């Protein structure tokens, strides 16, 4: 058997070589990307570790600085607390003395208030009695007027309703009578028309039957005569001629008779046409009458609708008047309730104000007038004259409220004076606060005090106030001034650094 030879490698084409080359390039690119990813991931991990370590170190440093700063701050706070405790004890002693004096004033004011409260309650009871009497009179007048209005309204309502019912019954009767008359006239006209139509029809039938019988008789006679003429004609010609002449004469007579009968028939047809036209005229007249009756019926219905609309309008007007009356009554009741609530509120405010009355107000609740006798006489003369303006007349009805307005005006003046005094005290308080702040700033030591000018802050026998420039020149025999050094505390530096 022959030996098998080795298989020779087949050469690759250009396209396959290009594909292999592209695959190699892609594999190299993927390897490069993987290396870049691994390198970036390694750097990120390293950066995260460094950040973590830096954060831990920063926290350790901060904790150590905090312990140092806390120790320094506790010492400063202990000193501040000692100063504040001393000032607090001094303020408490002042407040205790003020409280004792106020307690004495309060006991005296309570006694004065009780006396004034009794007098004020007595006056308020009188005012309430007067007001209740006035309200009772107004309520009685209101009830009387309300009853009168309701009675008038009911009477008018009953009259309107009765009149409306009468008119409705009258219109209904008229309507029924007109309908009955129309039905009767229509029935009679139908009967007359039917009777006339039947009569004419019967007459025409009888005349036609009579004419038909006459014509049949004439035709039979003529037929017999014709038969006789034929027989005679067959017998002799002379006889035929004679018969022919006679028949001709008779034919003329019969034609004349036929013409007469045709004229009669034409006359009958004309009479039928005339009767039909009359029937049409009667039907038109009846339709016109029916139309007139319908128009009258529509007019009556329109009048009925107008009356119904007038009735509804009257009802609406009455309803509106009733609603207005109820609204006005509710408004008056609300106004009266508001007046009562206002009176109760005034009484409550009076009871509250009694606590703040002075002893002089309790003894003399109404101050005497500051007018002279001559001025009072002039005022009485003016009030005695007849008043023309409505406002002046209303003022005369409230003369009993003069004492109330006196007290009200007095309280208003005192309120204004207290407000003015309150503003003055606020100004004084602000000035005292500024002075106290300056004093405390001079005593205490803080960043603000160190930054500001302070005459009490002296370091190494020197203050932080601006010194005037010295114009004198140093002589050779004078001693030199000792050099000064600015000392800054570590706590101050740390507070500015951190």
Protein backbone atom coordinates (compact mmCIF):
# COMPACT_ATOMS: atom_id res chain seq x y z
CA UNK A 1 0.00 0.00 0.00
CA UNK A 2 1.34 3.47 -0.81
CA UNK A 3 2.35 5.70 2.16
CA UNK A 4 0.19 8.69 2.96
CA UNK A 5 2.02 11.99 2.47
CA UNK A 6 1.90 14.86 4.92
CA UNK A 7 -0.83 17.33 4.30
CA UNK A 8 0.56 20.66 3.11
CA UNK A 9 -0.66 23.82 4.89
CA UNK A 10 -2.99 25.81 2.72
CA UNK A 11 -1.97 29.48 2.33
CA UNK A 12 -4.33 32.11 3.89
CA UNK A 13 -6.03 34.66 1.73
CA UNK A 14 -5.69 38.45 2.27
CA UNK A 15 -9.15 38.81 3.83
CA UNK A 16 -8.43 36.10 6.37
CA UNK A 17 -5.10 37.74 7.20
CA UNK A 18 -6.86 41.07 7.75
CA UNK A 19 -9.41 39.40 10.04
CA UNK A 20 -6.63 37.78 12.09
CA UNK A 21 -4.80 41.11 12.33
CA UNK A 22 -7.99 42.88 13.50
CA UNK A 23 -8.62 40.19 16.11
CA UNK A 24 -5.09 40.62 17.45
CA UNK A 25 -5.56 44.41 17.66
CA UNK A 26 -8.85 44.01 19.52
CA UNK A 27 -7.26 41.57 21.96
CA UNK A 28 -4.42 44.01 22.62
CA UNK A 29 -6.88 46.90 23.19
CA UNK A 30 -8.86 44.83 25.67
CA UNK A 31 -5.71 43.95 27.58
CA UNK A 32 -4.72 47.65 27.70
CA UNK A 33 -8.19 48.61 29.02
CA UNK A 34 -8.02 45.92 31.69
CA UNK A 35 -4.63 47.21 32.83
CA UNK A 36 -5.97 50.80 33.01
CA UNK A 37 -8.98 49.64 35.04
CA UNK A 38 -6.80 47.73 37.49
CA UNK A 39 -4.49 50.74 37.85
CA UNK A 40 -7.41 53.19 38.43
CA UNK A 41 -8.98 50.82 40.97
CA UNK A 42 -5.65 50.51 42.82
CA UNK A 43 -5.25 54.29 42.92
CA UNK A 44 -8.85 54.78 44.17
CA UNK A 45 -8.33 52.27 46.97
CA UNK A 46 -5.10 53.94 47.96
CA UNK A 47 -6.77 57.39 47.93
CA UNK A 48 -9.64 56.09 50.09
CA UNK A 49 -7.17 54.67 52.62
CA UNK A 50 -5.27 57.94 52.75
CA UNK A 51 -8.51 59.93 53.27
CA UNK A 52 -9.58 57.55 56.02
CA UNK A 53 -6.23 57.87 57.79
CA UNK A 54 -6.26 61.68 57.45
CA UNK A 55 -9.80 61.82 58.91
CA UNK A 56 -8.74 59.66 61.88
CA UNK A 57 -5.69 61.82 62.54
CA UNK A 58 -7.76 65.02 62.28
CA UNK A 59 -10.29 63.62 64.78
CA UNK A 60 -7.48 62.75 67.21
CA UNK A 61 -6.02 66.26 66.94
CA UNK A 62 -9.47 67.84 67.43
CA UNK A 63 -10.15 65.74 70.54
CA UNK A 64 -6.82 66.77 72.10
CA UNK A 65 -7.47 70.45 71.30
CA UNK A 66 -10.98 70.20 72.73
CA UNK A 67 -9.70 68.89 76.06
CA UNK A 68 -7.25 71.81 76.28
CA UNK A 69 -9.91 74.36 75.34
CA UNK A 70 -12.44 72.87 77.77
CA UNK A 71 -10.06 73.25 80.68
CA UNK A 72 -9.39 76.89 79.79
CA UNK A 73 -13.11 77.61 79.26
CA UNK A 74 -14.10 75.99 82.58
CA UNK A 75 -11.75 78.31 84.45
CA UNK A 76 -13.22 81.34 82.70
CA UNK A 77 -16.78 80.17 83.37
CA UNK A 78 -16.04 79.62 87.08
CA UNK A 79 -14.89 83.22 87.37
CA UNK A 80 -17.96 84.50 85.48
CA UNK A 81 -20.28 82.44 87.70
CA UNK A 82 -18.79 83.94 90.87
CA UNK A 83 -19.29 87.48 89.52
CA UNK A 84 -22.87 86.70 88.40
CA UNK A 85 -23.76 85.11 91.77
CA UNK A 86 -22.69 88.27 93.59
CA UNK A 87 -24.70 90.50 91.23
CA UNK A 88 -27.68 88.14 91.50
CA UNK A 89 -27.68 88.29 95.32
CA UNK A 90 -27.59 92.08 95.19
CA UNK A 91 -30.52 92.17 92.70
CA UNK A 92 -32.52 89.69 94.83
CA UNK A 93 -32.15 91.89 97.91
CA UNK A 94 -33.41 94.90 95.92
CA UNK A 95 -36.36 92.90 94.60
CA UNK A 96 -37.31 91.70 98.12
CA UNK A 97 -37.51 95.27 99.38
CA UNK A 98 -39.62 96.26 96.36
CA UNK A 99 -41.97 93.28 96.90
CA UNK A 100 -42.56 94.24 100.53
CA UNK A 101 -43.45 97.83 99.60
CA UNK A 102 -45.72 96.59 96.84
CA UNK A 103 -47.49 94.19 99.22
CA UNK A 104 -48.30 97.10 101.55
CA UNK A 105 -49.59 99.16 98.60
CA UNK A 106 -51.63 96.19 97.41
CA UNK A 107 -53.43 95.72 100.75
CA UNK A 108 -54.30 99.43 100.83
CA UNK A 109 -55.47 99.31 97.18
CA UNK A 110 -57.69 96.29 97.89
CA UNK A 111 -59.48 98.14 100.69
CA UNK A 112 -60.04 101.16 98.43
CA UNK A 113 -61.19 98.89 95.62
CA UNK A 114 -63.82 97.18 97.82
CA UNK A 115 -65.29 100.54 98.81
CA UNK A 116 -65.37 101.84 95.23
CA UNK A 117 -66.77 98.51 93.97
CA UNK A 118 -69.81 98.78 96.23
CA UNK A 119 -70.58 102.31 95.05
CA UNK A 120 -70.01 101.41 91.40
CA UNK A 121 -72.24 98.32 91.61
CA UNK A 122 -75.03 100.42 93.10
CA UNK A 123 -74.79 102.87 90.17
CA UNK A 124 -74.62 100.02 87.62
CA UNK A 125 -77.78 98.45 89.10
CA UNK A 126 -79.62 101.72 88.61
CA UNK A 127 -78.41 101.96 84.99
CA UNK A 128 -79.44 98.36 84.33
CA UNK A 129 -82.93 98.98 85.73
CA UNK A 130 -83.34 102.01 83.45
CA UNK A 131 -82.07 100.08 80.44
CA UNK A 132 -84.37 97.11 81.13
CA UNK A 133 -87.41 99.39 81.41
CA UNK A 134 -86.47 101.01 78.11
CA UNK A 135 -85.98 97.62 76.43
CA UNK A 136 -89.34 96.35 77.73
CA UNK A 137 -91.14 99.42 76.31
CA UNK A 138 -89.41 98.97 72.94
CA UNK A 139 -90.27 95.27 72.87
CA UNK A 140 -93.95 95.95 73.65
CA UNK A 141 -94.14 98.58 70.88
CA UNK A 142 -92.47 96.18 68.46
CA UNK A 143 -94.90 93.35 69.33
CA UNK A 144 -97.96 95.65 68.92
CA UNK A 145 -96.76 96.86 65.50
CA UNK A 146 -95.94 93.30 64.45
CA UNK A 147 -99.44 92.05 65.38
CA UNK A 148 -101.08 94.94 63.49
CA UNK A 149 -99.01 94.25 60.38
CA UNK A 150 -99.75 90.53 60.51
CA UNK A 151 -103.50 91.19 60.85
CA UNK A 152 -103.50 93.61 57.90
CA UNK A 153 -101.51 91.11 55.84
CA UNK A 154 -103.93 88.25 56.62
CA UNK A 155 -107.00 90.40 55.80
CA UNK A 156 -105.52 91.52 52.45
CA UNK A 157 -104.49 87.97 51.67
CA UNK A 158 -108.00 86.61 52.35
CA UNK A 159 -109.66 89.31 50.21
CA UNK A 160 -107.26 88.69 47.31
CA UNK A 161 -107.78 84.92 47.50
CA UNK A 162 -111.62 85.25 47.61
CA UNK A 163 -111.65 87.65 44.67
CA UNK A 164 -109.34 85.36 42.72
CA UNK A 165 -111.55 82.32 43.37
CA UNK A 166 -114.67 84.23 42.28
CA UNK A 167 -113.01 85.33 39.05
CA UNK A 168 -111.83 81.77 38.35
CA UNK A 169 -115.38 80.37 38.87
CA UNK A 170 -116.85 83.07 36.62
CA UNK A 171 -114.36 82.38 33.85
CA UNK A 172 -114.94 78.64 34.12
CA UNK A 173 -118.72 79.16 33.77
CA UNK A 174 -118.22 81.42 30.74
CA UNK A 175 -115.91 78.91 29.15
CA UNK A 176 -118.35 76.02 29.70
CA UNK A 177 -121.27 78.03 28.32
CA UNK A 178 -119.33 78.99 25.19
CA UNK A 179 -118.29 75.38 24.63
CA UNK A 180 -121.90 74.19 25.04
CA UNK A 181 -123.18 76.83 22.59
CA UNK A 182 -120.52 75.89 20.08
CA UNK A 183 -121.37 72.18 20.35
CA UNK A 184 -125.11 72.86 19.91
CA UNK A 185 -124.61 75.14 16.90
CA UNK A 186 -122.24 72.67 15.30
CA UNK A 187 -124.67 69.79 15.82
CA UNK A 188 -127.62 71.77 14.36
CA UNK A 189 -125.60 72.86 11.31
CA UNK A 190 -124.55 69.25 10.70
CA UNK A 191 -128.16 68.06 10.92
CA UNK A 192 -129.37 70.75 8.51
CA UNK A 193 -126.62 69.97 6.04
CA UNK A 194 -127.34 66.24 6.20
CA UNK A 195 -131.09 66.75 5.68
CA UNK A 196 -130.57 69.08 2.70
CA UNK A 197 -128.07 66.70 1.16
CA UNK A 198 -130.47 63.74 1.55
CA UNK A 199 -133.38 65.71 0.01
CA UNK A 200 -131.38 66.77 -3.02
CA UNK A 201 -130.05 63.28 -3.50
CA UNK A 202 -133.59 61.76 -3.38
CA UNK A 203 -134.94 64.36 -5.83
CA UNK A 204 -132.18 63.68 -8.32
CA UNK A 205 -132.73 59.94 -8.10
CA UNK A 206 -136.50 60.26 -8.63
CA UNK A 207 -136.11 62.59 -11.61
CA UNK A 208 -133.57 60.28 -13.23
CA UNK A 209 -135.86 57.31 -12.72
CA UNK A 210 -138.86 59.17 -14.16
CA UNK A 211 -136.91 60.31 -17.25
CA UNK A 212 -135.57 56.81 -17.77
CA UNK A 213 -139.09 55.37 -17.74
CA UNK A 214 -140.34 57.98 -20.17
CA UNK A 215 -137.47 57.36 -22.57
CA UNK A 216 -137.99 53.61 -22.39
CA UNK A 217 -141.67 54.02 -23.24
CA UNK A 218 -140.85 56.33 -26.11
CA UNK A 219 -138.24 53.93 -27.44
CA UNK A 220 -140.69 51.02 -27.23
CA UNK A 221 -143.34 53.00 -29.07
CA UNK A 222 -140.86 54.02 -31.70
CA UNK A 223 -139.69 50.47 -32.08
CA UNK A 224 -143.26 49.23 -32.57
CA UNK A 225 -143.97 51.92 -35.03
CA UNK A 226 -140.79 51.14 -36.86
CA UNK A 227 -141.82 47.53 -37.09
CA UNK A 228 -145.24 48.55 -38.42
CA UNK A 229 -143.58 50.90 -40.91
CA UNK A 230 -141.38 48.11 -42.14
CA UNK A 231 -144.37 45.93 -42.62
CA UNK A 232 -146.24 48.62 -44.39
CA UNK A 233 -143.14 49.43 -46.45
CA UNK A 234 -142.97 45.95 -47.58
CA UNK A 235 -146.66 46.17 -48.57
CA UNK A 236 -146.53 49.33 -50.54
CA UNK A 237 -144.02 52.06 -51.22
CA UNK A 238 -146.62 54.77 -50.99
CA UNK A 239 -147.60 53.72 -47.67
CA UNK A 240 -143.89 53.78 -46.85
CA UNK A 241 -143.46 57.32 -47.98
CA UNK A 242 -146.42 58.42 -46.01
CA UNK A 243 -145.17 56.49 -43.06
CA UNK A 244 -141.71 57.89 -43.61
CA UNK A 245 -143.01 61.41 -43.54
CA UNK A 246 -145.06 60.71 -40.48
CA UNK A 247 -142.07 59.07 -38.86
CA UNK A 248 -139.90 61.99 -39.81
CA UNK A 249 -142.36 64.35 -38.19
CA UNK A 250 -142.51 62.14 -35.17
CA UNK A 251 -138.69 61.94 -35.14
CA UNK A 252 -138.48 65.70 -35.11
CA UNK A 253 -140.97 65.82 -32.27
CA UNK A 254 -139.02 63.20 -30.34
CA UNK A 255 -135.73 65.08 -30.97
CA UNK A 256 -137.40 68.20 -29.63
CA UNK A 257 -138.59 66.27 -26.61
CA UNK A 258 -135.06 64.90 -26.10
CA UNK A 259 -133.62 68.39 -26.30
CA UNK A 260 -136.20 69.56 -23.76
CA UNK A 261 -135.29 66.67 -21.47
CA UNK A 262 -131.58 67.40 -21.92
CA UNK A 263 -132.21 71.00 -21.01
CA UNK A 264 -134.07 69.85 -17.90
CA UNK A 265 -131.13 67.58 -17.02
CA UNK A 266 -128.74 70.48 -17.53
CA UNK A 267 -130.89 72.66 -15.30
CA UNK A 268 -130.86 69.96 -12.65
CA UNK A 269 -127.08 69.70 -12.87
CA UNK A 270 -126.81 73.49 -12.58
CA UNK A 271 -129.06 73.41 -9.53
CA UNK A 272 -126.86 70.64 -8.04
CA UNK A 273 -123.74 72.77 -8.62
CA UNK A 274 -125.47 75.76 -7.02
CA UNK A 275 -126.48 73.66 -4.01
CA UNK A 276 -122.92 72.37 -3.71
CA UNK A 277 -121.57 75.93 -3.76
CA UNK A 278 -124.13 76.89 -1.10
CA UNK A 279 -123.02 73.92 0.98
CA UNK A 280 -119.40 75.07 0.60
CA UNK A 281 -120.43 78.60 1.58
CA UNK A 282 -122.23 77.26 4.66
CA UNK A 283 -119.20 75.14 5.56
CA UNK A 284 -116.90 78.17 5.18
CA UNK A 285 -119.22 80.31 7.29
CA UNK A 286 -119.31 77.60 9.93
CA UNK A 287 -115.50 77.35 9.84
CA UNK A 288 -115.20 81.13 10.19
CA UNK A 289 -117.59 81.06 13.12
CA UNK A 290 -115.58 78.24 14.64
CA UNK A 291 -112.39 80.27 14.09
CA UNK A 292 -113.99 83.31 15.77
CA UNK A 293 -115.01 81.12 18.66
CA UNK A 294 -111.48 79.69 18.90
CA UNK A 295 -110.01 83.21 18.88
CA UNK A 296 -112.40 84.21 21.66
CA UNK A 297 -111.35 81.09 23.55
CA UNK A 298 -107.66 82.00 23.15
CA UNK A 299 -108.35 85.56 24.34
CA UNK A 300 -110.12 84.18 27.39
CA UNK A 301 -107.17 81.84 28.04
CA UNK A 302 -104.72 84.77 27.68
CA UNK A 303 -106.76 86.80 30.16
CA UNK A 304 -106.81 83.80 32.47
CA UNK A 305 -103.01 83.51 32.23
CA UNK A 306 -102.63 87.22 32.91
CA UNK A 307 -104.82 86.86 35.98
CA UNK A 308 -102.75 83.89 37.11
CA UNK A 309 -99.55 85.89 36.57
CA UNK A 310 -101.02 88.80 38.54
CA UNK A 311 -101.96 86.38 41.30
CA UNK A 312 -98.44 84.90 41.35
CA UNK A 313 -96.92 88.41 41.38
CA UNK A 314 -99.20 89.37 44.27
CA UNK A 315 -98.13 86.21 46.09
CA UNK A 316 -94.43 86.94 45.43
CA UNK A 317 -94.83 90.54 46.64
CA UNK A 318 -96.59 89.31 49.77
CA UNK A 319 -93.87 86.68 50.26
CA UNK A 320 -91.15 89.32 49.82
CA UNK A 321 -92.88 91.62 52.30
CA UNK A 322 -93.13 88.74 54.75
CA UNK A 323 -89.43 87.88 54.23
CA UNK A 324 -88.45 91.53 54.70
CA UNK A 325 -90.53 91.65 57.87
CA UNK A 326 -88.89 88.51 59.23
CA UNK A 327 -85.39 89.75 58.29
CA UNK A 328 -86.02 93.10 59.94
CA UNK A 329 -87.36 91.38 63.04
CA UNK A 330 -84.30 89.10 63.13
CA UNK A 331 -82.02 92.11 62.63
CA UNK A 332 -83.70 93.96 65.50
CA UNK A 333 -83.40 90.90 67.73
CA UNK A 334 -79.70 90.59 66.83
CA UNK A 335 -79.18 94.30 67.51
CA UNK A 336 -80.88 93.96 70.88
CA UNK A 337 -78.74 90.91 71.67
CA UNK A 338 -75.62 92.86 70.73
CA UNK A 339 -76.72 95.68 73.02
CA UNK A 340 -77.27 93.21 75.87
CA UNK A 341 -73.87 91.58 75.20
CA UNK A 342 -72.28 95.01 75.09
CA UNK A 343 -73.87 95.89 78.44
CA UNK A 344 -72.61 92.64 79.97
CA UNK A 345 -69.15 93.30 78.54
CA UNK A 346 -69.24 96.83 80.03
CA UNK A 347 -70.19 95.37 83.41
CA UNK A 348 -67.35 92.84 83.24
CA UNK A 349 -64.88 95.56 82.26
CA UNK A 350 -66.20 97.74 85.10
CA UNK A 351 -65.58 94.91 87.56
CA UNK A 352 -62.04 94.49 86.17
CA UNK A 353 -61.43 98.25 86.31
CA UNK A 354 -62.46 98.41 89.96
CA UNK A 355 -59.25 96.61 90.87
CA UNK A 356 -57.20 99.46 89.42
CA UNK A 357 -59.11 102.37 91.03
CA UNK A 358 -57.31 104.58 93.51
CA UNK A 359 -58.59 105.46 96.99
CA UNK A 360 -59.53 108.95 95.82
CA UNK A 361 -61.63 107.48 92.96
CA UNK A 362 -63.37 105.11 95.35
CA UNK A 363 -64.29 107.98 97.71
CA UNK A 364 -65.10 110.50 94.92
CA UNK A 365 -66.00 108.48 91.77
CA UNK A 366 -67.14 111.60 89.83
CA UNK A 367 -64.80 114.58 89.83
CA UNK A 368 -66.29 118.03 90.12
CA UNK A 369 -66.48 120.20 87.03
CA UNK A 370 -63.64 122.62 86.32
CA UNK A 371 -66.04 125.26 84.90
CA UNK A 372 -66.93 128.43 86.76
CA UNK A 373 -70.45 129.35 87.84
CA UNK A 374 -70.82 131.86 84.98
CA UNK A 375 -69.77 129.28 82.37
CA UNK A 376 -72.24 126.73 83.79
CA UNK A 377 -75.07 129.32 83.64
CA UNK A 378 -74.24 130.03 79.97
CA UNK A 379 -74.33 126.30 79.19
CA UNK A 380 -77.74 125.94 80.90
CA UNK A 381 -79.10 128.87 78.89
CA UNK A 382 -77.92 127.32 75.64
CA UNK A 383 -79.45 123.94 76.58
CA UNK A 384 -82.76 125.66 77.52
CA UNK A 385 -83.15 127.00 73.96
CA UNK A 386 -84.97 124.90 71.35
CA UNK A 387 -82.62 122.56 69.53
CA UNK A 388 -82.92 122.31 65.75
CA UNK A 389 -80.35 119.68 64.84
CA UNK A 390 -81.27 116.03 65.32
CA UNK A 391 -77.90 115.21 66.91
CA UNK A 392 -78.36 117.89 69.57
CA UNK A 393 -81.86 116.54 70.32
CA UNK A 394 -80.43 113.04 70.71
CA UNK A 395 -77.74 114.35 73.08
CA UNK A 396 -80.40 115.74 75.42
CA UNK A 397 -81.85 112.23 75.77
CA UNK A 398 -78.53 110.99 77.20
CA UNK A 399 -77.98 113.61 79.94
CA UNK A 400 -77.94 110.81 82.50
CA UNK A 401 -74.67 109.54 80.94
CA UNK A 402 -72.70 112.74 81.74
CA UNK A 403 -71.04 111.24 84.83
CA UNK A 404 -70.09 108.16 82.80
CA UNK A 405 -68.48 110.27 80.09
CA UNK A 406 -66.64 112.28 82.78
CA UNK A 407 -65.10 109.14 84.18
CA UNK A 408 -64.35 107.82 80.67
CA UNK A 409 -62.57 111.05 79.70
CA UNK A 410 -60.63 111.03 82.96
CA UNK A 411 -59.49 107.45 82.34
CA UNK A 412 -58.53 108.32 78.75
CA UNK A 413 -56.38 111.24 79.97
CA UNK A 414 -54.72 109.04 82.59
CA UNK A 415 -54.04 106.42 79.91
CA UNK A 416 -52.34 109.01 77.69
CA UNK A 417 -50.27 110.30 80.60
CA UNK A 418 -49.23 106.74 81.53
CA UNK A 419 -48.23 106.04 77.92
CA UNK A 420 -46.11 109.20 77.94
CA UNK A 421 -44.57 108.18 81.27
CA UNK A 422 -43.96 104.67 79.91
CA UNK A 423 -42.05 106.10 76.93
CA UNK A 424 -39.93 108.27 79.30
CA UNK A 425 -39.16 105.27 81.50
CA UNK A 426 -38.18 103.21 78.45
CA UNK A 427 -35.69 105.93 77.45
CA UNK A 428 -34.28 106.04 81.00
CA UNK A 429 -34.08 102.25 81.08
CA UNK A 430 -32.19 102.19 77.76
CA UNK A 431 -29.70 104.74 79.06
CA UNK A 432 -29.21 102.78 82.30
CA UNK A 433 -28.71 99.56 80.32
CA UNK A 434 -26.03 101.27 78.21
CA UNK A 435 -24.28 102.53 81.35
CA UNK A 436 -24.51 99.10 82.98
CA UNK A 437 -23.16 97.45 79.84
CA UNK A 438 -20.21 99.85 79.78
CA UNK A 439 -19.54 99.12 83.43
CA UNK A 440 -19.75 95.33 82.94
CA UNK A 441 -17.57 95.57 79.84
CA UNK A 442 -15.02 97.39 81.95
CA UNK A 443 -15.17 94.66 84.61
CA UNK A 444 -15.28 91.51 82.42
CA UNK A 445 -12.73 90.25 79.86
CA UNK A 446 -13.90 88.95 76.46
CA UNK A 447 -13.03 89.15 72.77
CA UNK A 448 -15.30 92.14 72.21
CA UNK A 449 -13.82 94.00 75.18
CA UNK A 450 -10.30 93.26 74.02
CA UNK A 451 -11.07 94.52 70.53
CA UNK A 452 -12.82 97.70 71.77
CA UNK A 453 -11.38 100.67 73.65
CA UNK A 454 -11.46 100.07 77.41
CA UNK A 455 -9.84 102.44 79.97
CA UNK A 456 -9.86 99.73 82.67
CA UNK A 457 -7.93 97.19 80.59
CA UNK A 458 -4.23 97.79 81.48
CA UNK A 459 -1.40 95.45 80.53
CA UNK A 460 2.14 96.22 81.71
CA UNK A 461 1.07 99.61 83.09
CA UNK A 462 -0.47 100.64 79.75
CA UNK A 463 -4.09 100.79 78.45
CA UNK A 464 -5.38 100.28 74.91
CA UNK A 465 -6.57 103.90 74.60
CA UNK A 466 -4.88 105.96 71.87
CA UNK A 467 -2.00 108.01 73.32
CA UNK A 468 -1.29 111.55 72.07
CA UNK A 469 1.97 111.90 70.19
CA UNK A 470 4.69 113.33 72.42
CA UNK A 471 6.41 116.38 70.90
CA UNK A 472 9.19 116.61 73.46
CA UNK A 473 12.60 115.33 72.34
CA UNK A 474 14.70 113.05 74.51
CA UNK A 475 17.72 114.57 76.18
CA UNK A 476 20.94 112.70 76.62
CA UNK A 477 20.66 112.70 80.38
CA UNK A 478 17.11 111.22 80.52
CA UNK A 479 16.53 107.55 81.19
CA UNK A 480 15.05 105.37 78.54
CA UNK A 481 11.49 104.06 79.07
CA UNK A 482 11.25 100.32 79.61
CA UNK A 483 10.22 98.35 76.55
CA UNK A 484 6.67 96.85 76.58
CA UNK A 485 5.61 93.49 75.23
CA UNK A 486 2.09 92.50 74.12
CA UNK A 487 1.01 89.24 75.73
CA UNK A 488 -1.76 87.22 74.00
CA UNK A 489 -3.38 84.27 75.69
CA UNK A 490 -3.28 80.87 74.00
CA UNK A 491 -7.09 80.44 74.35
CA UNK A 492 -7.61 83.66 72.37
CA UNK A 493 -5.28 82.50 69.59
CA UNK A 494 -6.87 79.01 69.41
CA UNK A 495 -10.38 80.49 69.20
CA UNK A 496 -9.31 82.54 66.16
CA UNK A 497 -7.38 79.68 64.50
CA UNK A 498 -10.04 76.92 64.86
